[in-house]
């Protein structure tokens, strides 16, 4: 909703200021200019990126436009899922997790936390690394090194779509100039026409320049920035999981291991330790 509101504010202010100065909105309807700019941008995007990046870009745009997923309920479910998994390890060893991490979608434990279970990336990260821990003896330093390498690669991969869109946004003023130059060429071909006709064609050419700048700074660049921030919030969740696993291997008590992970969550929505302790108390009372 906030993203849509922001777009409406931008459109309202730009259009309002233009109308206040005596402009006509009909002057912006230049299909040829739109075709050149948007078509060039789409073509450049396809040339520069494989299909997988374009698909990931579309998925990230959809996530940005949706309601914030990492709210209090998601964080509660994430931390309590990790807490229960660590408690199983404490009570029955890593082998006790086999029935849960092999097929998480069929696990009663994972099904208690549907918001986390619905995110395949998080579930795969949790399952794979608990399975890694169960395969052989590994200390906290070895596990931390392995997970740091994995997260480093994941971070680069997750940021590619927003960075690719950012580069297209930066190119939009150039595409607008291309459209404007082509418009001037058409104008010069009709230089023997009336002054009114020449004026209309010059205005149409200038619309191309405006659209390129507008799409860059008022739409695509903010959208790419929002995608990057959303990706970093997702990455913070992976950092949370990594920290919990490393602290578990280091032999920390379950609550302290989960609290160490809690500290990695985005600061604007991170639950307090008292809140985490309350969630654990409610969980234990419910299972008593």
Foldseek 3Di string as FASTA:
>chain_A
DVVVVLLCVVVCVVVVVCVVVPHDPVLLPDVVLCCLLVVVLVVVLPVVDPPVLVVLLVVLLVCLPDDDLPAPLLLLLLLVLLLVQLVLCVVPNLVSCVVCLVDVVPDPSNVVRVSQVVDPVNSPLLSVLSVVVVVDPDALVRLLVVLVVVLVVVLVVQLVNLVSLLVSLVCLLVSLLVQLVVLVVVLVVVVVDDPVVSVSSNSSSVSSNVVSNCCNPVPSNVSSVSSNVSSVQVSLLSQLSSQLVSVSSNPDPSLVSNVSSLVSHDPVRRDDSVVSVVSVVVVVVVVD
